[in-house]
């Protein structure tokens, strides 16, 4: 589908650029200016910018949904963090007694 008539940019070109940007850094903020810069073009009349934003949001949501970890992996990570927390709580970091107050 033709998104930008001024520059003759299709939705497929925008989707490909957004995916390439997300593969380079999955947590970067992708904005229309970055997309146009990657295409070596600029938004002339800016009538297409709302459609470009919609495409960016859709592609980014799909990308992160595909990259999401399975719930079992998240549970394993959480239990591992809980174990580390328990280990750290048992270690005294200061030489003062626990009943000592600074103020």
PDB file of N, CA and C in Angstrom:
ATOM      1  N   UNK A   1       0.837  -1.164   0.000  1.00  0.00           N
ATOM      2  CA  UNK A   1       0.000   0.000   0.000  1.00  0.00           C
ATOM      3  C   UNK A   1       0.893   1.243   0.000  1.00  0.00           C
ATOM      4  N   UNK A   2       0.544   2.207  -0.772  1.00  0.00           N
ATOM      5  CA  UNK A   2       1.286   3.455  -0.865  1.00  0.00           C
ATOM      6  C   UNK A   2       0.932   4.334   0.333  1.00  0.00           C
ATOM      7  N   UNK A   3       1.948   4.667   1.128  1.00  0.00           N
ATOM      8  CA  UNK A   3       1.726   5.462   2.333  1.00  0.00           C
ATOM      9  C   UNK A   3       2.035   6.932   2.071  1.00  0.00           C
ATOM     10  N   UNK A   4       3.145   7.193   1.416  1.00  0.00           N
ATOM     11  CA  UNK A   4       3.575   8.570   1.149  1.00  0.00           C
ATOM     12  C   UNK A   4       3.578   8.809  -0.357  1.00  0.00           C
ATOM     13  N   UNK A   5       2.655   9.638  -0.820  1.00  0.00           N
ATOM     14  CA  UNK A   5       2.582   9.916  -2.252  1.00  0.00           C
ATOM     15  C   UNK A   5       3.677  10.881  -2.692  1.00  0.00           C
ATOM     16  N   UNK A   6       4.121  11.752  -1.808  1.00  0.00           N
ATOM     17  CA  UNK A   6       5.177  12.712  -2.168  1.00  0.00           C
ATOM     18  C   UNK A   6       6.491  12.011  -2.495  1.00  0.00           C
ATOM     19  N   UNK A   7       6.818  10.957  -1.717  1.00  0.00           N
ATOM     20  CA  UNK A   7       8.080  10.254  -1.881  1.00  0.00           C
ATOM     21  C   UNK A   7       7.919   8.861  -2.472  1.00  0.00           C
ATOM     22  N   UNK A   8       6.678   8.468  -2.746  1.00  0.00           N
ATOM     23  CA  UNK A   8       6.398   7.135  -3.286  1.00  0.00           C
ATOM     24  C   UNK A   8       6.954   6.034  -2.371  1.00  0.00           C
ATOM     25  N   UNK A   9       6.563   6.076  -1.102  1.00  0.00           N
ATOM     26  CA  UNK A   9       7.010   5.100  -0.104  1.00  0.00           C
ATOM     27  C   UNK A   9       5.846   4.171   0.203  1.00  0.00           C
ATOM     28  N   UNK A  10       6.126   2.878   0.164  1.00  0.00           N
ATOM     29  CA  UNK A  10       5.086   1.890   0.455  1.00  0.00           C
ATOM     30  C   UNK A  10       5.167   1.461   1.923  1.00  0.00           C
ATOM     31  N   UNK A  11       4.096   0.846   2.383  1.00  0.00           N
ATOM     32  CA  UNK A  11       4.074   0.362   3.759  1.00  0.00           C
ATOM     33  C   UNK A  11       5.114  -0.737   3.961  1.00  0.00           C
ATOM     34  N   UNK A  12       5.375  -1.523   2.937  1.00  0.00           N
ATOM     35  CA  UNK A  12       6.367  -2.606   3.045  1.00  0.00           C
ATOM     36  C   UNK A  12       7.762  -2.038   3.293  1.00  0.00           C
ATOM     37  N   UNK A  13       8.097  -0.934   2.627  1.00  0.00           N
ATOM     38  CA  UNK A  13       9.400  -0.305   2.840  1.00  0.00           C
ATOM     39  C   UNK A  13       9.531   0.193   4.282  1.00  0.00           C
ATOM     40  N   UNK A  14       8.472   0.786   4.794  1.00  0.00           N
ATOM     41  CA  UNK A  14       8.496   1.286   6.171  1.00  0.00           C
ATOM     42  C   UNK A  14       8.619   0.132   7.154  1.00  0.00           C
ATOM     43  N   UNK A  15       7.863  -0.941   6.933  1.00  0.00           N
ATOM     44  CA  UNK A  15       7.938  -2.110   7.812  1.00  0.00           C
ATOM     45  C   UNK A  15       9.352  -2.696   7.829  1.00  0.00           C
ATOM     46  N   UNK A  16       9.980  -2.797   6.661  1.00  0.00           N
ATOM     47  CA  UNK A  16      11.340  -3.342   6.582  1.00  0.00           C
ATOM     48  C   UNK A  16      12.337  -2.466   7.341  1.00  0.00           C
ATOM     49  N   UNK A  17      12.202  -1.152   7.195  1.00  0.00           N
ATOM     50  CA  UNK A  17      13.104  -0.226   7.892  1.00  0.00           C
ATOM     51  C   UNK A  17      12.918  -0.341   9.400  1.00  0.00           C
ATOM     52  N   UNK A  18      11.679  -0.392   9.846  1.00  0.00           N
ATOM     53  CA  UNK A  18      11.405  -0.499  11.288  1.00  0.00           C
ATOM     54  C   UNK A  18      11.976  -1.799  11.838  1.00  0.00           C
ATOM     55  N   UNK A  19      11.800  -2.902  11.124  1.00  0.00           N
ATOM     56  CA  UNK A  19      12.365  -4.177  11.574  1.00  0.00           C
ATOM     57  C   UNK A  19      13.885  -4.125  11.638  1.00  0.00           C
ATOM     58  N   UNK A  20      14.511  -3.502  10.649  1.00  0.00           N
ATOM     59  CA  UNK A  20      15.969  -3.378  10.669  1.00  0.00           C
ATOM     60  C   UNK A  20      16.436  -2.553  11.866  1.00  0.00           C
ATOM     61  N   UNK A  21      15.726  -1.472  12.153  1.00  0.00           N
ATOM     62  CA  UNK A  21      16.088  -0.644  13.308  1.00  0.00           C
ATOM     63  C   UNK A  21      15.906  -1.410  14.614  1.00  0.00           C
ATOM     64  N   UNK A  22      14.832  -2.180  14.720  1.00  0.00           N
ATOM     65  CA  UNK A  22      14.587  -2.954  15.940  1.00  0.00           C
ATOM     66  C   UNK A  22      15.586  -4.087  16.099  1.00  0.00           C
ATOM     67  N   UNK A  23      16.029  -4.673  14.998  1.00  0.00           N
ATOM     68  CA  UNK A  23      17.040  -5.728  15.091  1.00  0.00           C
ATOM     69  C   UNK A  23      18.373  -5.165  15.557  1.00  0.00           C
ATOM     70  N   UNK A  24      18.668  -3.925  15.188  1.00  0.00           N
ATOM     71  CA  UNK A  24      19.904  -3.284  15.625  1.00  0.00           C
ATOM     72  C   UNK A  24      19.852  -2.963  17.117  1.00  0.00           C
ATOM     73  N   UNK A  25      18.718  -2.456  17.588  1.00  0.00           N
ATOM     74  CA  UNK A  25      18.530  -2.139  19.004  1.00  0.00           C
ATOM     75  C   UNK A  25      17.044  -2.283  19.326  1.00  0.00           C
ATOM     76  N   UNK A  26      16.650  -3.402  19.952  1.00  0.00           N
ATOM     77  CA  UNK A  26      15.220  -3.663  20.170  1.00  0.00           C
ATOM     78  C   UNK A  26      14.505  -2.640  21.046  1.00  0.00           C
ATOM     79  N   UNK A  27      15.225  -1.884  21.858  1.00  0.00           N
ATOM     80  CA  UNK A  27      14.564  -0.974  22.783  1.00  0.00           C
ATOM     81  C   UNK A  27      14.724   0.486  22.402  1.00  0.00           C
ATOM     82  N   UNK A  28      15.151   0.732  21.186  1.00  0.00           N
ATOM     83  CA  UNK A  28      15.246   2.124  20.762  1.00  0.00           C
ATOM     84  C   UNK A  28      13.869   2.680  20.428  1.00  0.00           C
ATOM     85  N   UNK A  29      13.760   3.979  20.454  1.00  0.00           N
ATOM     86  CA  UNK A  29      12.511   4.645  20.110  1.00  0.00           C
ATOM     87  C   UNK A  29      12.544   4.925  18.613  1.00  0.00           C
ATOM     88  N   UNK A  30      11.676   4.265  17.884  1.00  0.00           N
ATOM     89  CA  UNK A  30      11.607   4.448  16.436  1.00  0.00           C
ATOM     90  C   UNK A  30      10.565   5.523  16.152  1.00  0.00           C
ATOM     91  N   UNK A  31      10.990   6.571  15.491  1.00  0.00           N
ATOM     92  CA  UNK A  31      10.113   7.694  15.156  1.00  0.00           C
ATOM     93  C   UNK A  31      10.131   7.893  13.644  1.00  0.00           C
ATOM     94  N   UNK A  32       9.130   8.579  13.097  1.00  0.00           N
ATOM     95  CA  UNK A  32       9.090   8.782  11.648  1.00  0.00           C
ATOM     96  C   UNK A  32      10.351   9.443  11.079  1.00  0.00           C
ATOM     97  N   UNK A  33      10.972  10.342  11.831  1.00  0.00           N
ATOM     98  CA  UNK A  33      12.190  10.992  11.344  1.00  0.00           C
ATOM     99  C   UNK A  33      13.301   9.975  11.081  1.00  0.00           C
ATOM    100  N   UNK A  34      13.418   8.958  11.949  1.00  0.00           N
ATOM    101  CA  UNK A  34      14.421   7.909  11.733  1.00  0.00           C
ATOM    102  C   UNK A  34      14.106   7.093  10.488  1.00  0.00           C
ATOM    103  N   UNK A  35      12.839   6.811  10.294  1.00  0.00           N
ATOM    104  CA  UNK A  35      12.433   6.024   9.124  1.00  0.00           C
ATOM    105  C   UNK A  35      12.751   6.787   7.845  1.00  0.00           C
ATOM    106  N   UNK A  36      12.397   8.068   7.815  1.00  0.00           N
ATOM    107  CA  UNK A  36      12.684   8.872   6.630  1.00  0.00           C
ATOM    108  C   UNK A  36      14.190   9.031   6.424  1.00  0.00           C
ATOM    109  N   UNK A  37      14.941   9.158   7.507  1.00  0.00           N
ATOM    110  CA  UNK A  37      16.399   9.281   7.377  1.00  0.00           C
ATOM    111  C   UNK A  37      17.004   8.006   6.792  1.00  0.00           C
ATOM    112  N   UNK A  38      16.504   6.857   7.214  1.00  0.00           N
ATOM    113  CA  UNK A  38      16.990   5.587   6.675  1.00  0.00           C
ATOM    114  C   UNK A  38      16.668   5.446   5.193  1.00  0.00           C
ATOM    115  N   UNK A  39      15.567   6.041   4.770  1.00  0.00           N
ATOM    116  CA  UNK A  39      15.168   5.995   3.355  1.00  0.00           C
ATOM    117  C   UNK A  39      15.804   7.123   2.539  1.00  0.00           C
ATOM    118  N   UNK A  40      16.601   7.977   3.208  1.00  0.00           N
ATOM    119  CA  UNK A  40      17.226   9.150   2.573  1.00  0.00           C
ATOM    120  C   UNK A  40      16.187  10.073   1.938  1.00  0.00           C
ATOM    121  N   UNK A  41      15.087  10.245   2.655  1.00  0.00           N
ATOM    122  CA  UNK A  41      14.018  11.130   2.201  1.00  0.00           C
ATOM    123  C   UNK A  41      13.536  11.950   3.384  1.00  0.00           C
ATOM    124  N   UNK A  42      12.639  12.883   3.116  1.00  0.00           N
ATOM    125  CA  UNK A  42      12.056  13.677   4.199  1.00  0.00           C
ATOM    126  C   UNK A  42      10.551  13.784   3.984  1.00  0.00           C
ATOM    127  N   UNK A  43       9.835  14.049   5.065  1.00  0.00           N
ATOM    128  CA  UNK A  43       8.388  14.219   4.966  1.00  0.00           C
ATOM    129  C   UNK A  43       8.113  15.600   4.392  1.00  0.00           C
ATOM    130  N   UNK A  44       7.577  15.637   3.207  1.00  0.00           N
ATOM    131  CA  UNK A  44       7.363  16.926   2.534  1.00  0.00           C
ATOM    132  C   UNK A  44       6.086  17.600   3.020  1.00  0.00           C
ATOM    133  N   UNK A  45       4.941  16.975   2.827  1.00  0.00           N
ATOM    134  CA  UNK A  45       3.679  17.593   3.250  1.00  0.00           C
ATOM    135  C   UNK A  45       3.258  17.117   4.633  1.00  0.00           C
ATOM    136  N   UNK A  46       3.877  16.064   5.131  1.00  0.00           N
ATOM    137  CA  UNK A  46       3.622  15.468   6.459  1.00  0.00           C
ATOM    138  C   UNK A  46       2.232  14.882   6.603  1.00  0.00           C
ATOM    139  N   UNK A  47       1.521  14.685   5.524  1.00  0.00           N
ATOM    140  CA  UNK A  47       0.216  14.058   5.595  1.00  0.00           C
ATOM    141  C   UNK A  47       0.293  12.573   5.886  1.00  0.00           C
ATOM    142  N   UNK A  48       1.441  11.974   5.623  1.00  0.00           N
ATOM    143  CA  UNK A  48       1.610  10.535   5.816  1.00  0.00           C
ATOM    144  C   UNK A  48       2.115  10.181   7.211  1.00  0.00           C
ATOM    145  N   UNK A  49       2.562  11.155   7.981  1.00  0.00           N
ATOM    146  CA  UNK A  49       3.187  10.875   9.275  1.00  0.00           C
ATOM    147  C   UNK A  49       2.268  10.089  10.215  1.00  0.00           C
ATOM    148  N   UNK A  50       0.972  10.402  10.343  1.00  0.00           N
ATOM    149  CA  UNK A  50       0.121   9.578  11.214  1.00  0.00           C
ATOM    150  C   UNK A  50       0.068   8.104  10.771  1.00  0.00           C
ATOM    151  N   UNK A  51       0.055   7.867   9.466  1.00  0.00           N
ATOM    152  CA  UNK A  51       0.059   6.481   8.980  1.00  0.00           C
ATOM    153  C   UNK A  51       1.387   5.809   9.269  1.00  0.00           C
ATOM    154  N   UNK A  52       2.483   6.545   9.155  1.00  0.00           N
ATOM    155  CA  UNK A  52       3.806   5.992   9.458  1.00  0.00           C
ATOM    156  C   UNK A  52       3.874   5.628  10.939  1.00  0.00           C
ATOM    157  N   UNK A  53       3.340   6.475  11.795  1.00  0.00           N
ATOM    158  CA  UNK A  53       3.325   6.186  13.234  1.00  0.00           C
ATOM    159  C   UNK A  53       2.523   4.917  13.511  1.00  0.00           C
ATOM    160  N   UNK A  54       1.381   4.760  12.863  1.00  0.00           N
ATOM    161  CA  UNK A  54       0.573   3.546  13.044  1.00  0.00           C
ATOM    162  C   UNK A  54       1.344   2.301  12.620  1.00  0.00           C
ATOM    163  N   UNK A  55       2.061   2.386  11.514  1.00  0.00           N
ATOM    164  CA  UNK A  55       2.857   1.248  11.041  1.00  0.00           C
ATOM    165  C   UNK A  55       3.984   0.945  12.020  1.00  0.00           C
ATOM    166  N   UNK A  56       4.648   1.969  12.526  1.00  0.00           N
ATOM    167  CA  UNK A  56       5.736   1.777  13.491  1.00  0.00           C
ATOM    168  C   UNK A  56       5.214   1.081  14.740  1.00  0.00           C
ATOM    169  N   UNK A  57       4.080   1.534  15.251  1.00  0.00           N
ATOM    170  CA  UNK A  57       3.509   0.938  16.468  1.00  0.00           C
ATOM    171  C   UNK A  57       3.145  -0.530  16.225  1.00  0.00           C
ATOM    172  N   UNK A  58       2.495  -0.801  15.110  1.00  0.00           N
ATOM    173  CA  UNK A  58       2.075  -2.175  14.806  1.00  0.00           C
ATOM    174  C   UNK A  58       3.276  -3.104  14.659  1.00  0.00           C
ATOM    175  N   UNK A  59       4.277  -2.679  13.910  1.00  0.00           N
ATOM    176  CA  UNK A  59       5.457  -3.523  13.679  1.00  0.00           C
ATOM    177  C   UNK A  59       6.236  -3.718  14.972  1.00  0.00           C
ATOM    178  N   UNK A  60       6.359  -2.665  15.782  1.00  0.00           N
ATOM    179  CA  UNK A  60       7.088  -2.776  17.049  1.00  0.00           C
ATOM    180  C   UNK A  60       6.376  -3.722  18.006  1.00  0.00           C
ATOM    181  N   UNK A  61       5.060  -3.621  18.097  1.00  0.00           N
ATOM    182  CA  UNK A  61       4.306  -4.532  18.975  1.00  0.00           C
ATOM    183  C   UNK A  61       4.460  -5.974  18.517  1.00  0.00           C
ATOM    184  N   UNK A  62       4.363  -6.209  17.233  1.00  0.00           N
ATOM    185  CA  UNK A  62       4.524  -7.573  16.705  1.00  0.00           C
ATOM    186  C   UNK A  62       5.932  -8.106  16.953  1.00  0.00           C
ATOM    187  N   UNK A  63       6.916  -7.253  16.766  1.00  0.00           N
ATOM    188  CA  UNK A  63       8.308  -7.665  16.970  1.00  0.00           C
ATOM    189  C   UNK A  63       8.537  -8.086  18.420  1.00  0.00           C
ATOM    190  N   UNK A  64       8.079  -7.268  19.359  1.00  0.00           N
ATOM    191  CA  UNK A  64       8.290  -7.586  20.773  1.00  0.00           C
ATOM    192  C   UNK A  64       7.438  -8.772  21.224  1.00  0.00           C
ATOM    193  N   UNK A  65       6.284  -8.970  20.624  1.00  0.00           N
ATOM    194  CA  UNK A  65       5.471 -10.146  20.959  1.00  0.00           C
ATOM    195  C   UNK A  65       6.166 -11.423  20.495  1.00  0.00           C
ATOM    196  N   UNK A  66       6.822 -11.369  19.349  1.00  0.00           N
ATOM    197  CA  UNK A  66       7.548 -12.539  18.840  1.00  0.00           C
ATOM    198  C   UNK A  66       8.799 -12.819  19.664  1.00  0.00           C
ATOM    199  N   UNK A  67       9.415 -11.759  20.203  1.00  0.00           N
ATOM    200  CA  UNK A  67      10.647 -11.912  20.963  1.00  0.00           C
ATOM    201  C   UNK A  67      10.405 -12.213  22.435  1.00  0.00           C
ATOM    202  N   UNK A  68       9.157 -12.183  22.856  1.00  0.00           N
ATOM    203  CA  UNK A  68       8.828 -12.381  24.276  1.00  0.00           C
ATOM    204  C   UNK A  68       9.237 -13.772  24.729  1.00  0.00           C
ATOM    205  N   UNK A  69       9.655 -13.847  25.976  1.00  0.00           N
ATOM    206  CA  UNK A  69      10.052 -15.126  26.564  1.00  0.00           C
ATOM    207  C   UNK A  69       8.819 -15.918  26.961  1.00  0.00           C
ATOM    208  N   UNK A  70       8.987 -17.215  26.980  1.00  0.00           N
ATOM    209  CA  UNK A  70       7.910 -18.089  27.429  1.00  0.00           C
ATOM    210  C   UNK A  70       7.702 -17.906  28.927  1.00  0.00           C
ATOM    211  N   UNK A  71       6.489 -18.085  29.448  1.00  0.00           N
ATOM    212  CA  UNK A  71       6.234 -17.903  30.878  1.00  0.00           C
ATOM    213  C   UNK A  71       7.112 -18.780  31.761  1.00  0.00           C
ATOM    214  N   UNK A  72       7.455 -19.975  31.326  1.00  0.00           N
ATOM    215  CA  UNK A  72       8.301 -20.856  32.135  1.00  0.00           C
ATOM    216  C   UNK A  72       9.684 -20.237  32.331  1.00  0.00           C
ATOM    217  N   UNK A  73      10.220 -19.595  31.301  1.00  0.00           N
ATOM    218  CA  UNK A  73      11.525 -18.948  31.419  1.00  0.00           C
ATOM    219  C   UNK A  73      11.461 -17.794  32.407  1.00  0.00           C
ATOM    220  N   UNK A  74      10.357 -17.060  32.403  1.00  0.00           N
ATOM    221  CA  UNK A  74      10.219 -15.946  33.319  1.00  0.00           C
ATOM    222  C   UNK A  74      10.136 -16.421  34.759  1.00  0.00           C
ATOM    223  N   UNK A  75       9.459 -17.530  34.993  1.00  0.00           N
ATOM    224  CA  UNK A  75       9.355 -18.083  36.344  1.00  0.00           C
ATOM    225  C   UNK A  75      10.728 -18.534  36.827  1.00  0.00           C
ATOM    226  N   UNK A  76      11.514 -19.170  35.951  1.00  0.00           N
ATOM    227  CA  UNK A  76      12.858 -19.596  36.329  1.00  0.00           C
ATOM    228  C   UNK A  76      13.721 -18.394  36.676  1.00  0.00           C
ATOM    229  N   UNK A  77      13.610 -17.340  35.920  1.00  0.00           N
ATOM    230  CA  UNK A  77      14.368 -16.129  36.187  1.00  0.00           C
ATOM    231  C   UNK A  77      13.963 -15.539  37.525  1.00  0.00           C
ATOM    232  N   UNK A  78      12.666 -15.479  37.795  1.00  0.00           N
ATOM    233  CA  UNK A  78      12.183 -14.926  39.053  1.00  0.00           C
ATOM    234  C   UNK A  78      12.661 -15.750  40.241  1.00  0.00           C
ATOM    235  N   UNK A  79      12.619 -17.080  40.131  1.00  0.00           N
ATOM    236  CA  UNK A  79      13.076 -17.914  41.250  1.00  0.00           C
ATOM    237  C   UNK A  79      14.575 -17.753  41.455  1.00  0.00           C
ATOM    238  N   UNK A  80      15.321 -17.580  40.379  1.00  0.00           N
ATOM    239  CA  UNK A  80      16.760 -17.333  40.493  1.00  0.00           C
ATOM    240  C   UNK A  80      17.049 -16.021  41.192  1.00  0.00           C
ATOM    241  N   UNK A  81      16.277 -14.999  40.875  1.00  0.00           N
ATOM    242  CA  UNK A  81      16.455 -13.711  41.545  1.00  0.00           C
ATOM    243  C   UNK A  81      16.098 -13.800  43.026  1.00  0.00           C
ATOM    244  N   UNK A  82      15.060 -14.567  43.352  1.00  0.00           N
ATOM    245  CA  UNK A  82      14.688 -14.751  44.754  1.00  0.00           C
ATOM    246  C   UNK A  82      15.802 -15.441  45.532  1.00  0.00           C
ATOM    247  N   UNK A  83      16.448 -16.431  44.932  1.00  0.00           N
ATOM    248  CA  UNK A  83      17.568 -17.117  45.587  1.00  0.00           C
ATOM    249  C   UNK A  83      18.718 -16.156  45.847  1.00  0.00           C
ATOM    250  N   UNK A  84      19.029 -15.328  44.865  1.00  0.00           N
ATOM    251  CA  UNK A  84      20.104 -14.346  45.049  1.00  0.00           C
ATOM    252  C   UNK A  84      19.764 -13.355  46.152  1.00  0.00           C
ATOM    253  N   UNK A  85      18.509 -12.940  46.218  1.00  0.00           N
ATOM    254  CA  UNK A  85      18.079 -12.008  47.256  1.00  0.00           C
ATOM    255  C   UNK A  85      18.257 -12.604  48.642  1.00  0.00           C
ATOM    256  N   UNK A  86      17.877 -13.877  48.787  1.00  0.00           N
ATOM    257  CA  UNK A  86      18.015 -14.547  50.076  1.00  0.00           C
ATOM    258  C   UNK A  86      19.478 -14.678  50.465  1.00  0.00           C
ATOM    259  N   UNK A  87      20.335 -14.967  49.502  1.00  0.00           N
ATOM    260  CA  UNK A  87      21.767 -15.078  49.785  1.00  0.00           C
ATOM    261  C   UNK A  87      22.331 -13.737  50.227  1.00  0.00           C
ATOM    262  N   UNK A  88      21.920 -12.668  49.563  1.00  0.00           N
ATOM    263  CA  UNK A  88      22.448 -11.350  49.884  1.00  0.00           C
ATOM    264  C   UNK A  88      21.944 -10.856  51.235  1.00  0.00           C
ATOM    265  N   UNK A  89      20.725 -11.237  51.609  1.00  0.00           N
ATOM    266  CA  UNK A  89      20.180 -10.792  52.888  1.00  0.00           C
ATOM    267  C   UNK A  89      20.902 -11.436  54.057  1.00  0.00           C
ATOM    268  N   UNK A  90      21.451 -12.598  53.881  1.00  0.00           N
ATOM    269  CA  UNK A  90      22.144 -13.287  54.956  1.00  0.00           C
ATOM    270  C   UNK A  90      23.537 -12.739  55.212  1.00  0.00           C
ATOM    271  N   UNK A  91      24.089 -11.981  54.304  1.00  0.00           N
ATOM    272  CA  UNK A  91      25.450 -11.461  54.444  1.00  0.00           C
ATOM    273  C   UNK A  91      25.397 -10.095  55.109  1.00  0.00           C
ATOM    274  N   UNK A  92      26.232  -9.934  56.153  1.00  0.00           N
ATOM    275  CA  UNK A  92      26.321  -8.621  56.800  1.00  0.00           C
ATOM    276  C   UNK A  92      27.315  -7.771  56.033  1.00  0.00           C
ATOM    277  N   UNK A  93      26.929  -6.581  55.682  1.00  0.00           N
ATOM    278  CA  UNK A  93      27.797  -5.706  54.907  1.00  0.00           C
ATOM    279  C   UNK A  93      28.569  -4.727  55.802  1.00  0.00           C
ATOM    280  N   UNK A  94      28.054  -4.447  56.954  1.00  0.00           N
ATOM    281  CA  UNK A  94      28.695  -3.487  57.835  1.00  0.00           C
ATOM    282  C   UNK A  94      29.221  -4.207  59.069  1.00  0.00           C
ATOM    283  N   UNK A  95      30.174  -3.595  59.709  1.00  0.00           N
ATOM    284  CA  UNK A  95      30.761  -4.217  60.895  1.00  0.00           C
ATOM    285  C   UNK A  95      29.997  -3.837  62.163  1.00  0.00           C
ATOM    286  N   UNK A  96      29.050  -2.914  62.044  1.00  0.00           N
ATOM    287  CA  UNK A  96      28.276  -2.523  63.214  1.00  0.00           C
ATOM    288  C   UNK A  96      27.253  -3.598  63.541  1.00  0.00           C
ATOM    289  N   UNK A  97      26.845  -3.619  64.758  1.00  0.00           N
ATOM    290  CA  UNK A  97      25.797  -4.572  65.140  1.00  0.00           C
ATOM    291  C   UNK A  97      24.475  -4.117  64.538  1.00  0.00           C
ATOM    292  N   UNK A  98      23.558  -5.016  64.445  1.00  0.00           N
ATOM    293  CA  UNK A  98      22.272  -4.694  63.811  1.00  0.00           C
ATOM    294  C   UNK A  98      21.444  -3.742  64.667  1.00  0.00           C
ATOM    295  N   UNK A  99      21.721  -3.664  65.952  1.00  0.00           N
ATOM    296  CA  UNK A  99      20.931  -2.775  66.801  1.00  0.00           C
ATOM    297  C   UNK A  99      21.487  -1.355  66.814  1.00  0.00           C
ATOM    298  N   UNK A 100      22.610  -1.126  66.174  1.00  0.00           N
ATOM    299  CA  UNK A 100      23.227   0.194  66.135  1.00  0.00           C
ATOM    300  C   UNK A 100      22.435   1.131  65.232  1.00  0.00           C
ATOM    301  N   UNK A 101      22.218   2.349  65.741  1.00  0.00           N
ATOM    302  CA  UNK A 101      21.520   3.346  64.941  1.00  0.00           C
ATOM    303  C   UNK A 101      22.438   4.557  64.755  1.00  0.00           C
ATOM    304  N   UNK A 102      22.426   5.095  63.550  1.00  0.00           N
ATOM    305  CA  UNK A 102      23.323   6.206  63.253  1.00  0.00           C
ATOM    306  C   UNK A 102      22.786   7.522  63.807  1.00  0.00           C
ATOM    307  N   UNK A 103      21.480   7.677  63.901  1.00  0.00           N
ATOM    308  CA  UNK A 103      20.951   8.968  64.315  1.00  0.00           C
ATOM    309  C   UNK A 103      20.395   8.967  65.681  1.00  0.00           C
TER     310      UNK A 103
END
